[in-house]
Amino acid sequence: QYNARIGYYINDKYSISIGNDHMKYVMKTGQTAVIDGVIDAGTI
C-alpha cells in the first residue's frame, strides 16, 4: 500500500497537488452479515 504525489507551492502558505493513494480493501471472509433480496442463479 503506497502513496505517490507531486505538488506545487503557489506561495509559502498554499500548495496544490495530484497523487495516487494505493490502498487495499479486503472483505472479511467468514463473517456473519444480514442479507436482504433474492438469488436465483442455480446455486445452493
Full PDB file with SEQRES, HELIX, SHEET, SSBOND, CRYST1, ORIGX, SCALE, CONECT and MASTER records, all heavy atoms in Angstrom:
SEQRES   1 A   44  GLN TYR ASN ALA ARG ILE GLY TYR TYR ILE ASN ASP LYS          
SEQRES   2 A   44  TYR SER ILE SER ILE GLY ASN ASP HIS MET LYS TYR VAL          
SEQRES   3 A   44  MET LYS THR GLY GLN THR ALA VAL ILE ASP GLY VAL ILE          
SEQRES   4 A   44  ASP ALA GLY THR ILE                                          
SHEET    1 AA1 2 TYR A   2  TYR A   9  0                                        
SHEET    2 AA1 2 SER A  15  HIS A  22 -1                                        
CRYST1    1.000    1.000    1.000  90.00  90.00  90.00 P 1           1          
ORIGX1      1.000000  0.000000  0.000000        0.00000                         
ORIGX2      0.000000  1.000000  0.000000        0.00000                         
ORIGX3      0.000000  0.000000  1.000000        0.00000                         
SCALE1      1.000000  0.000000  0.000000        0.00000                         
SCALE2      0.000000  1.000000  0.000000        0.00000                         
SCALE3      0.000000  0.000000  1.000000        0.00000                         
ATOM      1  N   GLN A   1       0.853  -1.185   0.000  1.00  0.00           N  
ATOM      2  CA  GLN A   1       0.000   0.000   0.000  1.00  0.00           C  
ATOM      3  C   GLN A   1       0.892   1.239   0.000  1.00  0.00           C  
ATOM      4  O   GLN A   1       1.683   1.434   0.916  1.00  0.00           O  
ATOM      5  CB  GLN A   1      -0.905  -0.014   1.231  1.00  0.00           C  
ATOM      6  CG  GLN A   1      -1.830  -1.215   1.270  1.00  0.00           C  
ATOM      7  CD  GLN A   1      -2.766  -1.206   2.472  1.00  0.00           C  
ATOM      8  OE1 GLN A   1      -3.617  -2.065   2.586  1.00  0.00           O  
ATOM      9  NE2 GLN A   1      -2.635  -0.240   3.372  1.00  0.00           N  
ATOM     10  N   TYR A   2       0.771   2.082  -1.025  1.00  0.00           N  
ATOM     11  CA  TYR A   2       1.676   3.219  -1.149  1.00  0.00           C  
ATOM     12  C   TYR A   2       0.920   4.508  -1.467  1.00  0.00           C  
ATOM     13  O   TYR A   2      -0.245   4.491  -1.891  1.00  0.00           O  
ATOM     14  CB  TYR A   2       2.735   2.959  -2.226  1.00  0.00           C  
ATOM     15  CG  TYR A   2       2.187   2.925  -3.641  1.00  0.00           C  
ATOM     16  CD1 TYR A   2       2.008   4.097  -4.367  1.00  0.00           C  
ATOM     17  CD2 TYR A   2       1.856   1.721  -4.262  1.00  0.00           C  
ATOM     18  CE1 TYR A   2       1.506   4.080  -5.656  1.00  0.00           C  
ATOM     19  CE2 TYR A   2       1.359   1.698  -5.556  1.00  0.00           C  
ATOM     20  CZ  TYR A   2       1.184   2.870  -6.248  1.00  0.00           C  
ATOM     21  OH  TYR A   2       0.679   2.842  -7.523  1.00  0.00           O  
ATOM     22  N   ASN A   3       1.615   5.620  -1.279  1.00  0.00           N  
ATOM     23  CA  ASN A   3       1.126   6.947  -1.665  1.00  0.00           C  
ATOM     24  C   ASN A   3       2.196   7.629  -2.497  1.00  0.00           C  
ATOM     25  O   ASN A   3       3.367   7.665  -2.096  1.00  0.00           O  
ATOM     26  CB  ASN A   3       0.827   7.807  -0.447  1.00  0.00           C  
ATOM     27  CG  ASN A   3      -0.287   7.245   0.411  1.00  0.00           C  
ATOM     28  OD1 ASN A   3      -0.140   6.189   1.013  1.00  0.00           O  
ATOM     29  ND2 ASN A   3      -1.401   7.958   0.481  1.00  0.00           N  
ATOM     30  N   ALA A   4       1.830   8.178  -3.642  1.00  0.00           N  
ATOM     31  CA  ALA A   4       2.748   8.918  -4.505  1.00  0.00           C  
ATOM     32  C   ALA A   4       2.077  10.234  -4.883  1.00  0.00           C  
ATOM     33  O   ALA A   4       0.883  10.263  -5.204  1.00  0.00           O  
ATOM     34  CB  ALA A   4       3.090   8.125  -5.760  1.00  0.00           C  
ATOM     35  N   ARG A   5       2.860  11.340  -4.860  1.00  0.00           N  
ATOM     36  CA  ARG A   5       2.236  12.644  -5.099  1.00  0.00           C  
ATOM     37  C   ARG A   5       3.261  13.629  -5.636  1.00  0.00           C  
ATOM     38  O   ARG A   5       4.450  13.565  -5.303  1.00  0.00           O  
ATOM     39  CB  ARG A   5       1.634  13.175  -3.788  1.00  0.00           C  
ATOM     40  CG  ARG A   5       0.922  14.522  -3.913  1.00  0.00           C  
ATOM     41  CD  ARG A   5       0.077  14.774  -2.679  1.00  0.00           C  
ATOM     42  NE  ARG A   5      -0.993  13.799  -2.588  1.00  0.00           N  
ATOM     43  CZ  ARG A   5      -2.172  13.905  -3.202  1.00  0.00           C  
ATOM     44  NH1 ARG A   5      -2.445  14.977  -3.956  1.00  0.00           N  
ATOM     45  NH2 ARG A   5      -3.085  12.973  -3.076  1.00  0.00           N  
ATOM     46  N   ILE A   6       2.792  14.550  -6.475  1.00  0.00           N  
ATOM     47  CA  ILE A   6       3.579  15.676  -6.932  1.00  0.00           C  
ATOM     48  C   ILE A   6       2.746  16.937  -6.750  1.00  0.00           C  
ATOM     49  O   ILE A   6       1.540  16.949  -7.040  1.00  0.00           O  
ATOM     50  CB  ILE A   6       4.014  15.507  -8.407  1.00  0.00           C  
ATOM     51  CG1 ILE A   6       4.897  16.674  -8.830  1.00  0.00           C  
ATOM     52  CG2 ILE A   6       2.815  15.341  -9.332  1.00  0.00           C  
ATOM     53  CD1 ILE A   6       5.577  16.459 -10.177  1.00  0.00           C  
ATOM     54  N   GLY A   7       3.379  17.962  -6.218  1.00  0.00           N  
ATOM     55  CA  GLY A   7       2.641  19.186  -5.939  1.00  0.00           C  
ATOM     56  C   GLY A   7       3.450  20.430  -6.234  1.00  0.00           C  
ATOM     57  O   GLY A   7       4.656  20.370  -6.521  1.00  0.00           O  
ATOM     58  N   TYR A   8       2.796  21.581  -6.129  1.00  0.00           N  
ATOM     59  CA  TYR A   8       3.435  22.866  -6.410  1.00  0.00           C  
ATOM     60  C   TYR A   8       3.010  23.871  -5.355  1.00  0.00           C  
ATOM     61  O   TYR A   8       1.825  24.014  -5.035  1.00  0.00           O  
ATOM     62  CB  TYR A   8       3.023  23.368  -7.793  1.00  0.00           C  
ATOM     63  CG  TYR A   8       3.576  24.740  -8.134  1.00  0.00           C  
ATOM     64  CD1 TYR A   8       4.922  24.913  -8.434  1.00  0.00           C  
ATOM     65  CD2 TYR A   8       2.745  25.859  -8.139  1.00  0.00           C  
ATOM     66  CE1 TYR A   8       5.434  26.168  -8.737  1.00  0.00           C  
ATOM     67  CE2 TYR A   8       3.236  27.116  -8.445  1.00  0.00           C  
ATOM     68  CZ  TYR A   8       4.595  27.263  -8.735  1.00  0.00           C  
ATOM     69  OH  TYR A   8       5.092  28.503  -9.027  1.00  0.00           O  
ATOM     70  N   TYR A   9       4.008  24.570  -4.797  1.00  0.00           N  
ATOM     71  CA  TYR A   9       3.737  25.634  -3.831  1.00  0.00           C  
ATOM     72  C   TYR A   9       3.393  26.919  -4.579  1.00  0.00           C  
ATOM     73  O   TYR A   9       4.253  27.528  -5.221  1.00  0.00           O  
ATOM     74  CB  TYR A   9       4.945  25.861  -2.937  1.00  0.00           C  
ATOM     75  CG  TYR A   9       5.181  24.776  -1.920  1.00  0.00           C  
ATOM     76  CD1 TYR A   9       6.152  23.802  -2.129  1.00  0.00           C  
ATOM     77  CD2 TYR A   9       4.435  24.739  -0.743  1.00  0.00           C  
ATOM     78  CE1 TYR A   9       6.378  22.806  -1.187  1.00  0.00           C  
ATOM     79  CE2 TYR A   9       4.653  23.746   0.207  1.00  0.00           C  
ATOM     80  CZ  TYR A   9       5.621  22.785  -0.023  1.00  0.00           C  
ATOM     81  OH  TYR A   9       5.833  21.812   0.914  1.00  0.00           O  
ATOM     82  N   ILE A  10       2.142  27.319  -4.482  1.00  0.00           N  
ATOM     83  CA  ILE A  10       1.708  28.570  -5.090  1.00  0.00           C  
ATOM     84  C   ILE A  10       2.402  29.742  -4.414  1.00  0.00           C  
ATOM     85  O   ILE A  10       2.820  30.700  -5.059  1.00  0.00           O  
ATOM     86  CB  ILE A  10       0.177  28.704  -4.972  1.00  0.00           C  
ATOM     87  CG1 ILE A  10      -0.512  27.517  -5.649  1.00  0.00           C  
ATOM     88  CG2 ILE A  10      -0.295  30.029  -5.578  1.00  0.00           C  
ATOM     89  CD1 ILE A  10      -1.995  27.423  -5.361  1.00  0.00           C  
ATOM     90  N   ASN A  11       2.526  29.654  -3.098  1.00  0.00           N  
ATOM     91  CA  ASN A  11       3.307  30.598  -2.299  1.00  0.00           C  
ATOM     92  C   ASN A  11       3.776  29.850  -1.059  1.00  0.00           C  
ATOM     93  O   ASN A  11       3.676  28.626  -0.998  1.00  0.00           O  
ATOM     94  CB  ASN A  11       2.495  31.865  -1.963  1.00  0.00           C  
ATOM     95  CG  ASN A  11       1.157  31.537  -1.312  1.00  0.00           C  
ATOM     96  OD1 ASN A  11       1.072  30.654  -0.466  1.00  0.00           O  
ATOM     97  ND2 ASN A  11       0.119  32.255  -1.715  1.00  0.00           N  
ATOM     98  N   ASP A  12       4.285  30.546  -0.061  1.00  0.00           N  
ATOM     99  CA  ASP A  12       4.820  29.878   1.116  1.00  0.00           C  
ATOM    100  C   ASP A  12       3.751  29.181   1.947  1.00  0.00           C  
ATOM    101  O   ASP A  12       4.068  28.301   2.748  1.00  0.00           O  
ATOM    102  CB  ASP A  12       5.565  30.872   2.008  1.00  0.00           C  
ATOM    103  CG  ASP A  12       6.911  31.267   1.428  1.00  0.00           C  
ATOM    104  OD1 ASP A  12       7.440  30.498   0.608  1.00  0.00           O  
ATOM    105  OD2 ASP A  12       7.414  32.347   1.793  1.00  0.00           O  
ATOM    106  N   LYS A  13       2.505  29.549   1.751  1.00  0.00           N  
ATOM    107  CA  LYS A  13       1.446  29.028   2.613  1.00  0.00           C  
ATOM    108  C   LYS A  13       0.515  28.025   1.939  1.00  0.00           C  
ATOM    109  O   LYS A  13      -0.145  27.233   2.634  1.00  0.00           O  
ATOM    110  CB  LYS A  13       0.608  30.193   3.155  1.00  0.00           C  
ATOM    111  CG  LYS A  13       1.384  31.108   4.095  1.00  0.00           C  
ATOM    112  CD  LYS A  13       0.486  32.197   4.649  1.00  0.00           C  
ATOM    113  CE  LYS A  13       1.253  33.080   5.631  1.00  0.00           C  
ATOM    114  NZ  LYS A  13       0.389  34.152   6.197  1.00  0.00           N  
ATOM    115  N   TYR A  14       0.449  28.034   0.602  1.00  0.00           N  
ATOM    116  CA  TYR A  14      -0.537  27.198  -0.071  1.00  0.00           C  
ATOM    117  C   TYR A  14       0.106  26.373  -1.192  1.00  0.00           C  
ATOM    118  O   TYR A  14       1.000  26.846  -1.892  1.00  0.00           O  
ATOM    119  CB  TYR A  14      -1.670  28.049  -0.655  1.00  0.00           C  
ATOM    120  CG  TYR A  14      -2.505  28.744   0.398  1.00  0.00           C  
ATOM    121  CD1 TYR A  14      -2.278  30.075   0.730  1.00  0.00           C  
ATOM    122  CD2 TYR A  14      -3.516  28.054   1.054  1.00  0.00           C  
ATOM    123  CE1 TYR A  14      -3.029  30.712   1.699  1.00  0.00           C  
ATOM    124  CE2 TYR A  14      -4.282  28.685   2.032  1.00  0.00           C  
ATOM    125  CZ  TYR A  14      -4.035  29.998   2.351  1.00  0.00           C  
ATOM    126  OH  TYR A  14      -4.773  30.619   3.313  1.00  0.00           O  
ATOM    127  N   SER A  15      -0.409  25.130  -1.339  1.00  0.00           N  
ATOM    128  CA  SER A  15       0.060  24.280  -2.431  1.00  0.00           C  
ATOM    129  C   SER A  15      -1.111  23.501  -3.011  1.00  0.00           C  
ATOM    130  O   SER A  15      -2.143  23.298  -2.357  1.00  0.00           O  
ATOM    131  CB  SER A  15       1.135  23.292  -1.948  1.00  0.00           C  
ATOM    132  OG  SER A  15       0.566  22.273  -1.144  1.00  0.00           O  
ATOM    133  N   ILE A  16      -0.929  23.071  -4.254  1.00  0.00           N  
ATOM    134  CA  ILE A  16      -1.897  22.212  -4.929  1.00  0.00           C  
ATOM    135  C   ILE A  16      -1.139  20.999  -5.448  1.00  0.00           C  
ATOM    136  O   ILE A  16       0.015  21.110  -5.868  1.00  0.00           O  
ATOM    137  CB  ILE A  16      -2.626  22.965  -6.063  1.00  0.00           C  
ATOM    138  CG1 ILE A  16      -3.779  22.125  -6.609  1.00  0.00           C  
ATOM    139  CG2 ILE A  16      -1.667  23.417  -7.156  1.00  0.00           C  
ATOM    140  CD1 ILE A  16      -4.706  22.905  -7.526  1.00  0.00           C  
ATOM    141  N   SER A  17      -1.774  19.820  -5.416  1.00  0.00           N  
ATOM    142  CA  SER A  17      -1.049  18.606  -5.788  1.00  0.00           C  
ATOM    143  C   SER A  17      -1.994  17.552  -6.341  1.00  0.00           C  
ATOM    144  O   SER A  17      -3.216  17.603  -6.146  1.00  0.00           O  
ATOM    145  CB  SER A  17      -0.307  18.036  -4.569  1.00  0.00           C  
ATOM    146  OG  SER A  17      -1.220  17.623  -3.571  1.00  0.00           O  
ATOM    147  N   ILE A  18      -1.403  16.590  -7.056  1.00  0.00           N  
ATOM    148  CA  ILE A  18      -2.136  15.424  -7.541  1.00  0.00           C  
ATOM    149  C   ILE A  18      -1.383  14.173  -7.102  1.00  0.00           C  
ATOM    150  O   ILE A  18      -0.164  14.190  -6.953  1.00  0.00           O  
ATOM    151  CB  ILE A  18      -2.305  15.438  -9.075  1.00  0.00           C  
ATOM    152  CG1 ILE A  18      -0.934  15.499  -9.763  1.00  0.00           C  
ATOM    153  CG2 ILE A  18      -3.199  16.577  -9.523  1.00  0.00           C  
ATOM    154  CD1 ILE A  18      -1.028  15.348 -11.279  1.00  0.00           C  
ATOM    155  N   GLY A  19      -2.117  13.085  -6.901  1.00  0.00           N  
ATOM    156  CA  GLY A  19      -1.446  11.871  -6.460  1.00  0.00           C  
ATOM    157  C   GLY A  19      -2.335  10.651  -6.531  1.00  0.00           C  
ATOM    158  O   GLY A  19      -3.523  10.722  -6.870  1.00  0.00           O  
ATOM    159  N   ASN A  20      -1.720   9.530  -6.205  1.00  0.00           N  
ATOM    160  CA  ASN A  20      -2.415   8.245  -6.151  1.00  0.00           C  
ATOM    161  C   ASN A  20      -2.239   7.655  -4.765  1.00  0.00           C  
ATOM    162  O   ASN A  20      -1.115   7.468  -4.298  1.00  0.00           O  
ATOM    163  CB  ASN A  20      -1.849   7.280  -7.199  1.00  0.00           C  
ATOM    164  CG  ASN A  20      -2.465   5.892  -7.088  1.00  0.00           C  
ATOM    165  OD1 ASN A  20      -3.624   5.742  -6.732  1.00  0.00           O  
ATOM    166  ND2 ASN A  20      -1.685   4.871  -7.386  1.00  0.00           N  
ATOM    167  N   ASP A  21      -3.351   7.375  -4.093  1.00  0.00           N  
ATOM    168  CA  ASP A  21      -3.341   6.643  -2.830  1.00  0.00           C  
ATOM    169  C   ASP A  21      -3.735   5.205  -3.151  1.00  0.00           C  
ATOM    170  O   ASP A  21      -4.887   4.928  -3.495  1.00  0.00           O  
ATOM    171  CB  ASP A  21      -4.340   7.237  -1.840  1.00  0.00           C  
ATOM    172  CG  ASP A  21      -4.008   8.668  -1.456  1.00  0.00           C  
ATOM    173  OD1 ASP A  21      -3.028   9.215  -1.999  1.00  0.00           O  
ATOM    174  OD2 ASP A  21      -4.728   9.229  -0.623  1.00  0.00           O  
ATOM    175  N   HIS A  22      -2.750   4.305  -3.029  1.00  0.00           N  
ATOM    176  CA  HIS A  22      -2.961   2.906  -3.360  1.00  0.00           C  
ATOM    177  C   HIS A  22      -3.257   2.145  -2.069  1.00  0.00           C  
ATOM    178  O   HIS A  22      -2.361   1.701  -1.370  1.00  0.00           O  
ATOM    179  CB  HIS A  22      -1.720   2.340  -4.059  1.00  0.00           C  
ATOM    180  CG  HIS A  22      -1.803   0.889  -4.395  1.00  0.00           C  
ATOM    181  ND1 HIS A  22      -2.542   0.403  -5.447  1.00  0.00           N  
ATOM    182  CD2 HIS A  22      -1.217  -0.199  -3.822  1.00  0.00           C  
ATOM    183  CE1 HIS A  22      -2.409  -0.911  -5.515  1.00  0.00           C  
ATOM    184  NE2 HIS A  22      -1.608  -1.292  -4.522  1.00  0.00           N  
ATOM    185  N   MET A  23      -4.538   2.050  -1.758  1.00  0.00           N  
ATOM    186  CA  MET A  23      -4.981   1.291  -0.595  1.00  0.00           C  
ATOM    187  C   MET A  23      -5.414  -0.111  -1.047  1.00  0.00           C  
ATOM    188  O   MET A  23      -5.518  -0.390  -2.236  1.00  0.00           O  
ATOM    189  CB  MET A  23      -6.138   2.012   0.091  1.00  0.00           C  
ATOM    190  CG  MET A  23      -5.797   3.400   0.601  1.00  0.00           C  
ATOM    191  SD  MET A  23      -7.232   4.303   1.265  1.00  0.00           S  
ATOM    192  CE  MET A  23      -8.021   4.864  -0.270  1.00  0.00           C  
ATOM    193  N   LYS A  24      -5.650  -0.955  -0.077  1.00  0.00           N  
ATOM    194  CA  LYS A  24      -6.197  -2.286  -0.347  1.00  0.00           C  
ATOM    195  C   LYS A  24      -7.362  -2.539   0.603  1.00  0.00           C  
ATOM    196  O   LYS A  24      -7.246  -2.301   1.810  1.00  0.00           O  
ATOM    197  CB  LYS A  24      -5.128  -3.373  -0.170  1.00  0.00           C  
ATOM    198  CG  LYS A  24      -3.963  -3.277  -1.151  1.00  0.00           C  
ATOM    199  CD  LYS A  24      -2.945  -4.382  -0.888  1.00  0.00           C  
ATOM    200  CE  LYS A  24      -1.686  -4.206  -1.721  1.00  0.00           C  
ATOM    201  NZ  LYS A  24      -1.911  -4.495  -3.146  1.00  0.00           N  
ATOM    202  N   TYR A  25      -8.472  -3.010   0.039  1.00  0.00           N  
ATOM    203  CA  TYR A  25      -9.667  -3.317   0.825  1.00  0.00           C  
ATOM    204  C   TYR A  25      -9.993  -4.786   0.654  1.00  0.00           C  
ATOM    205  O   TYR A  25     -10.148  -5.273  -0.478  1.00  0.00           O  
ATOM    206  CB  TYR A  25     -10.850  -2.463   0.361  1.00  0.00           C  
ATOM    207  CG  TYR A  25     -12.169  -2.796   1.033  1.00  0.00           C  
ATOM    208  CD1 TYR A  25     -12.616  -2.043   2.115  1.00  0.00           C  
ATOM    209  CD2 TYR A  25     -12.952  -3.855   0.590  1.00  0.00           C  
ATOM    210  CE1 TYR A  25     -13.823  -2.331   2.733  1.00  0.00           C  
ATOM    211  CE2 TYR A  25     -14.153  -4.161   1.211  1.00  0.00           C  
ATOM    212  CZ  TYR A  25     -14.580  -3.405   2.285  1.00  0.00           C  
ATOM    213  OH  TYR A  25     -15.775  -3.704   2.900  1.00  0.00           O  
ATOM    214  N   VAL A  26     -10.088  -5.499   1.776  1.00  0.00           N  
ATOM    215  CA  VAL A  26     -10.386  -6.935   1.736  1.00  0.00           C  
ATOM    216  C   VAL A  26     -11.596  -7.207   2.625  1.00  0.00           C  
ATOM    217  O   VAL A  26     -11.551  -6.978   3.840  1.00  0.00           O  
ATOM    218  CB  VAL A  26      -9.190  -7.773   2.231  1.00  0.00           C  
ATOM    219  CG1 VAL A  26      -9.518  -9.261   2.155  1.00  0.00           C  
ATOM    220  CG2 VAL A  26      -7.947  -7.463   1.415  1.00  0.00           C  
ATOM    221  N   MET A  27     -12.675  -7.680   2.028  1.00  0.00           N  
ATOM    222  CA  MET A  27     -13.832  -8.085   2.813  1.00  0.00           C  
ATOM    223  C   MET A  27     -13.459  -9.280   3.677  1.00  0.00           C  
ATOM    224  O   MET A  27     -12.831 -10.234   3.206  1.00  0.00           O  
ATOM    225  CB  MET A  27     -14.991  -8.461   1.894  1.00  0.00           C  
ATOM    226  CG  MET A  27     -16.278  -8.804   2.622  1.00  0.00           C  
ATOM    227  SD  MET A  27     -17.433  -9.728   1.586  1.00  0.00           S  
ATOM    228  CE  MET A  27     -16.581 -11.313   1.463  1.00  0.00           C  
ATOM    229  N   LYS A  28     -13.836  -9.234   4.942  1.00  0.00           N  
ATOM    230  CA  LYS A  28     -13.546 -10.338   5.861  1.00  0.00           C  
ATOM    231  C   LYS A  28     -14.409 -11.542   5.503  1.00  0.00           C  
ATOM    232  O   LYS A  28     -15.632 -11.517   5.643  1.00  0.00           O  
ATOM    233  CB  LYS A  28     -13.799  -9.907   7.301  1.00  0.00           C  
ATOM    234  CG  LYS A  28     -13.545 -11.006   8.322  1.00  0.00           C  
ATOM    235  CD  LYS A  28     -13.914 -10.546   9.723  1.00  0.00           C  
ATOM    236  CE  LYS A  28     -13.747 -11.680  10.728  1.00  0.00           C  
ATOM    237  NZ  LYS A  28     -14.180 -11.260  12.084  1.00  0.00           N  
ATOM    238  N   THR A  29     -13.773 -12.596   5.013  1.00  0.00           N  
ATOM    239  CA  THR A  29     -14.492 -13.815   4.659  1.00  0.00           C  
ATOM    240  C   THR A  29     -14.799 -14.612   5.917  1.00  0.00           C  
ATOM    241  O   THR A  29     -13.987 -14.689   6.838  1.00  0.00           O  
ATOM    242  CB  THR A  29     -13.663 -14.668   3.691  1.00  0.00           C  
ATOM    243  OG1 THR A  29     -13.308 -13.878   2.556  1.00  0.00           O  
ATOM    244  CG2 THR A  29     -14.456 -15.874   3.214  1.00  0.00           C  
ATOM    245  N   GLY A  30     -15.986 -15.214   5.956  1.00  0.00           N  
ATOM    246  CA  GLY A  30     -16.404 -15.991   7.110  1.00  0.00           C  
ATOM    247  C   GLY A  30     -17.214 -15.202   8.120  1.00  0.00           C  
ATOM    248  O   GLY A  30     -17.730 -15.777   9.088  1.00  0.00           O  
ATOM    249  N   GLN A  31     -17.348 -13.893   7.902  1.00  0.00           N  
ATOM    250  CA  GLN A  31     -18.148 -13.089   8.816  1.00  0.00           C  
ATOM    251  C   GLN A  31     -19.630 -13.371   8.620  1.00  0.00           C  
ATOM    252  O   GLN A  31     -20.064 -13.892   7.585  1.00  0.00           O  
ATOM    253  CB  GLN A  31     -17.885 -11.602   8.590  1.00  0.00           C  
ATOM    254  CG  GLN A  31     -18.349 -11.080   7.240  1.00  0.00           C  
ATOM    255  CD  GLN A  31     -18.046  -9.606   7.037  1.00  0.00           C  
ATOM    256  OE1 GLN A  31     -18.640  -8.748   7.677  1.00  0.00           O  
ATOM    257  NE2 GLN A  31     -17.090  -9.327   6.153  1.00  0.00           N  
ATOM    258  N   THR A  32     -20.403 -13.035   9.620  1.00  0.00           N  
ATOM    259  CA  THR A  32     -21.854 -13.156   9.526  1.00  0.00           C  
ATOM    260  C   THR A  32     -22.438 -11.786   9.227  1.00  0.00           C  
ATOM    261  O   THR A  32     -22.109 -10.804   9.895  1.00  0.00           O  
ATOM    262  CB  THR A  32     -22.446 -13.700  10.837  1.00  0.00           C  
ATOM    263  OG1 THR A  32     -21.915 -15.009  11.089  1.00  0.00           O  
ATOM    264  CG2 THR A  32     -23.957 -13.797  10.748  1.00  0.00           C  
ATOM    265  N   ALA A  33     -23.271 -11.727   8.200  1.00  0.00           N  
ATOM    266  CA  ALA A  33     -23.885 -10.465   7.797  1.00  0.00           C  
ATOM    267  C   ALA A  33     -25.377 -10.669   7.584  1.00  0.00           C  
ATOM    268  O   ALA A  33     -25.849 -11.796   7.408  1.00  0.00           O  
ATOM    269  CB  ALA A  33     -23.239  -9.935   6.520  1.00  0.00           C  
ATOM    270  N   VAL A  34     -26.099  -9.585   7.592  1.00  0.00           N  
ATOM    271  CA  VAL A  34     -27.529  -9.616   7.289  1.00  0.00           C  
ATOM    272  C   VAL A  34     -27.705  -9.453   5.787  1.00  0.00           C  
ATOM    273  O   VAL A  34     -27.081  -8.586   5.172  1.00  0.00           O  
ATOM    274  CB  VAL A  34     -28.284  -8.506   8.049  1.00  0.00           C  
ATOM    275  CG1 VAL A  34     -29.742  -8.435   7.596  1.00  0.00           C  
ATOM    276  CG2 VAL A  34     -28.200  -8.749   9.546  1.00  0.00           C  
ATOM    277  N   ILE A  35     -28.564 -10.294   5.193  1.00  0.00           N  
ATOM    278  CA  ILE A  35     -28.801 -10.262   3.749  1.00  0.00           C  
ATOM    279  C   ILE A  35     -30.279 -10.036   3.478  1.00  0.00           C  
ATOM    280  O   ILE A  35     -31.155 -10.551   4.191  1.00  0.00           O  
ATOM    281  CB  ILE A  35     -28.314 -11.562   3.074  1.00  0.00           C  
ATOM    282  CG1 ILE A  35     -28.497 -11.489   1.555  1.00  0.00           C  
ATOM    283  CG2 ILE A  35     -28.987 -12.789   3.662  1.00  0.00           C  
ATOM    284  CD1 ILE A  35     -27.888 -12.665   0.805  1.00  0.00           C  
ATOM    285  N   ASP A  36     -30.553  -9.258   2.449  1.00  0.00           N  
ATOM    286  CA  ASP A  36     -31.924  -8.992   2.031  1.00  0.00           C  
ATOM    287  C   ASP A  36     -31.963  -8.979   0.512  1.00  0.00           C  
ATOM    288  O   ASP A  36     -31.126  -8.351  -0.131  1.00  0.00           O  
ATOM    289  CB  ASP A  36     -32.398  -7.643   2.580  1.00  0.00           C  
ATOM    290  CG  ASP A  36     -33.845  -7.360   2.224  1.00  0.00           C  
ATOM    291  OD1 ASP A  36     -34.724  -8.152   2.611  1.00  0.00           O  
ATOM    292  OD2 ASP A  36     -34.101  -6.348   1.523  1.00  0.00           O  
ATOM    293  N   GLY A  37     -32.920  -9.707  -0.091  1.00  0.00           N  
ATOM    294  CA  GLY A  37     -33.022  -9.729  -1.549  1.00  0.00           C  
ATOM    295  C   GLY A  37     -33.280 -11.130  -2.059  1.00  0.00           C  
ATOM    296  O   GLY A  37     -33.781 -12.006  -1.326  1.00  0.00           O  
ATOM    297  N   VAL A  38     -32.907 -11.364  -3.312  1.00  0.00           N  
ATOM    298  CA  VAL A  38     -33.196 -12.640  -3.944  1.00  0.00           C  
ATOM    299  C   VAL A  38     -31.990 -13.125  -4.737  1.00  0.00           C  
ATOM    300  O   VAL A  38     -31.267 -12.338  -5.352  1.00  0.00           O  
ATOM    301  CB  VAL A  38     -34.430 -12.523  -4.878  1.00  0.00           C  
ATOM    302  CG1 VAL A  38     -34.192 -11.489  -5.976  1.00  0.00           C  
ATOM    303  CG2 VAL A  38     -34.791 -13.873  -5.480  1.00  0.00           C  
ATOM    304  N   ILE A  39     -31.757 -14.452  -4.690  1.00  0.00           N  
ATOM    305  CA  ILE A  39     -30.745 -15.115  -5.518  1.00  0.00           C  
ATOM    306  C   ILE A  39     -31.427 -16.262  -6.240  1.00  0.00           C  
ATOM    307  O   ILE A  39     -32.071 -17.116  -5.614  1.00  0.00           O  
ATOM    308  CB  ILE A  39     -29.569 -15.646  -4.654  1.00  0.00           C  
ATOM    309  CG1 ILE A  39     -28.882 -14.501  -3.920  1.00  0.00           C  
ATOM    310  CG2 ILE A  39     -28.556 -16.386  -5.539  1.00  0.00           C  
ATOM    311  CD1 ILE A  39     -27.810 -14.958  -2.932  1.00  0.00           C  
ATOM    312  N   ASP A  40     -31.299 -16.294  -7.561  1.00  0.00           N  
ATOM    313  CA  ASP A  40     -31.898 -17.350  -8.389  1.00  0.00           C  
ATOM    314  C   ASP A  40     -30.924 -17.684  -9.507  1.00  0.00           C  
ATOM    315  O   ASP A  40     -31.211 -17.517 -10.689  1.00  0.00           O  
ATOM    316  CB  ASP A  40     -33.241 -16.882  -8.951  1.00  0.00           C  
ATOM    317  CG  ASP A  40     -33.970 -17.989  -9.706  1.00  0.00           C  
ATOM    318  OD1 ASP A  40     -33.654 -19.175  -9.485  1.00  0.00           O  
ATOM    319  OD2 ASP A  40     -34.842 -17.660 -10.545  1.00  0.00           O  
ATOM    320  N   ALA A  41     -29.719 -18.140  -9.100  1.00  0.00           N  
ATOM    321  CA  ALA A  41     -28.631 -18.350 -10.051  1.00  0.00           C  
ATOM    322  C   ALA A  41     -28.208 -19.811 -10.144  1.00  0.00           C  
ATOM    323  O   ALA A  41     -27.119 -20.111 -10.623  1.00  0.00           O  
ATOM    324  CB  ALA A  41     -27.437 -17.493  -9.639  1.00  0.00           C  
ATOM    325  N   GLY A  42     -29.059 -20.718  -9.703  1.00  0.00           N  
ATOM    326  CA  GLY A  42     -28.728 -22.131  -9.762  1.00  0.00           C  
ATOM    327  C   GLY A  42     -27.665 -22.532  -8.772  1.00  0.00           C  
ATOM    328  O   GLY A  42     -26.815 -23.380  -9.071  1.00  0.00           O  
ATOM    329  N   THR A  43     -27.670 -21.924  -7.598  1.00  0.00           N  
ATOM    330  CA  THR A  43     -26.679 -22.195  -6.561  1.00  0.00           C  
ATOM    331  C   THR A  43     -27.371 -22.695  -5.298  1.00  0.00           C  
ATOM    332  O   THR A  43     -28.610 -22.648  -5.172  1.00  0.00           O  
ATOM    333  CB  THR A  43     -25.876 -20.927  -6.212  1.00  0.00           C  
ATOM    334  OG1 THR A  43     -26.699 -20.053  -5.428  1.00  0.00           O  
ATOM    335  CG2 THR A  43     -25.430 -20.200  -7.471  1.00  0.00           C  
ATOM    336  N   ILE A  44     -26.570 -23.135  -4.336  1.00  0.00           N  
ATOM    337  CA  ILE A  44     -27.123 -23.575  -3.061  1.00  0.00           C  
ATOM    338  C   ILE A  44     -27.647 -22.398  -2.248  1.00  0.00           C  
ATOM    339  O   ILE A  44     -28.332 -22.586  -1.243  1.00  0.00           O  
ATOM    340  CB  ILE A  44     -26.067 -24.354  -2.237  1.00  0.00           C  
ATOM    341  CG1 ILE A  44     -24.864 -23.449  -1.943  1.00  0.00           C  
ATOM    342  CG2 ILE A  44     -25.638 -25.609  -2.966  1.00  0.00           C  
ATOM    343  CD1 ILE A  44     -23.855 -24.086  -1.007  1.00  0.00           C  
TER     344      ILE A  44                                                      
MASTER        0    0    0    0    2    0    0    6  343    1    0    4          
END                                                                             
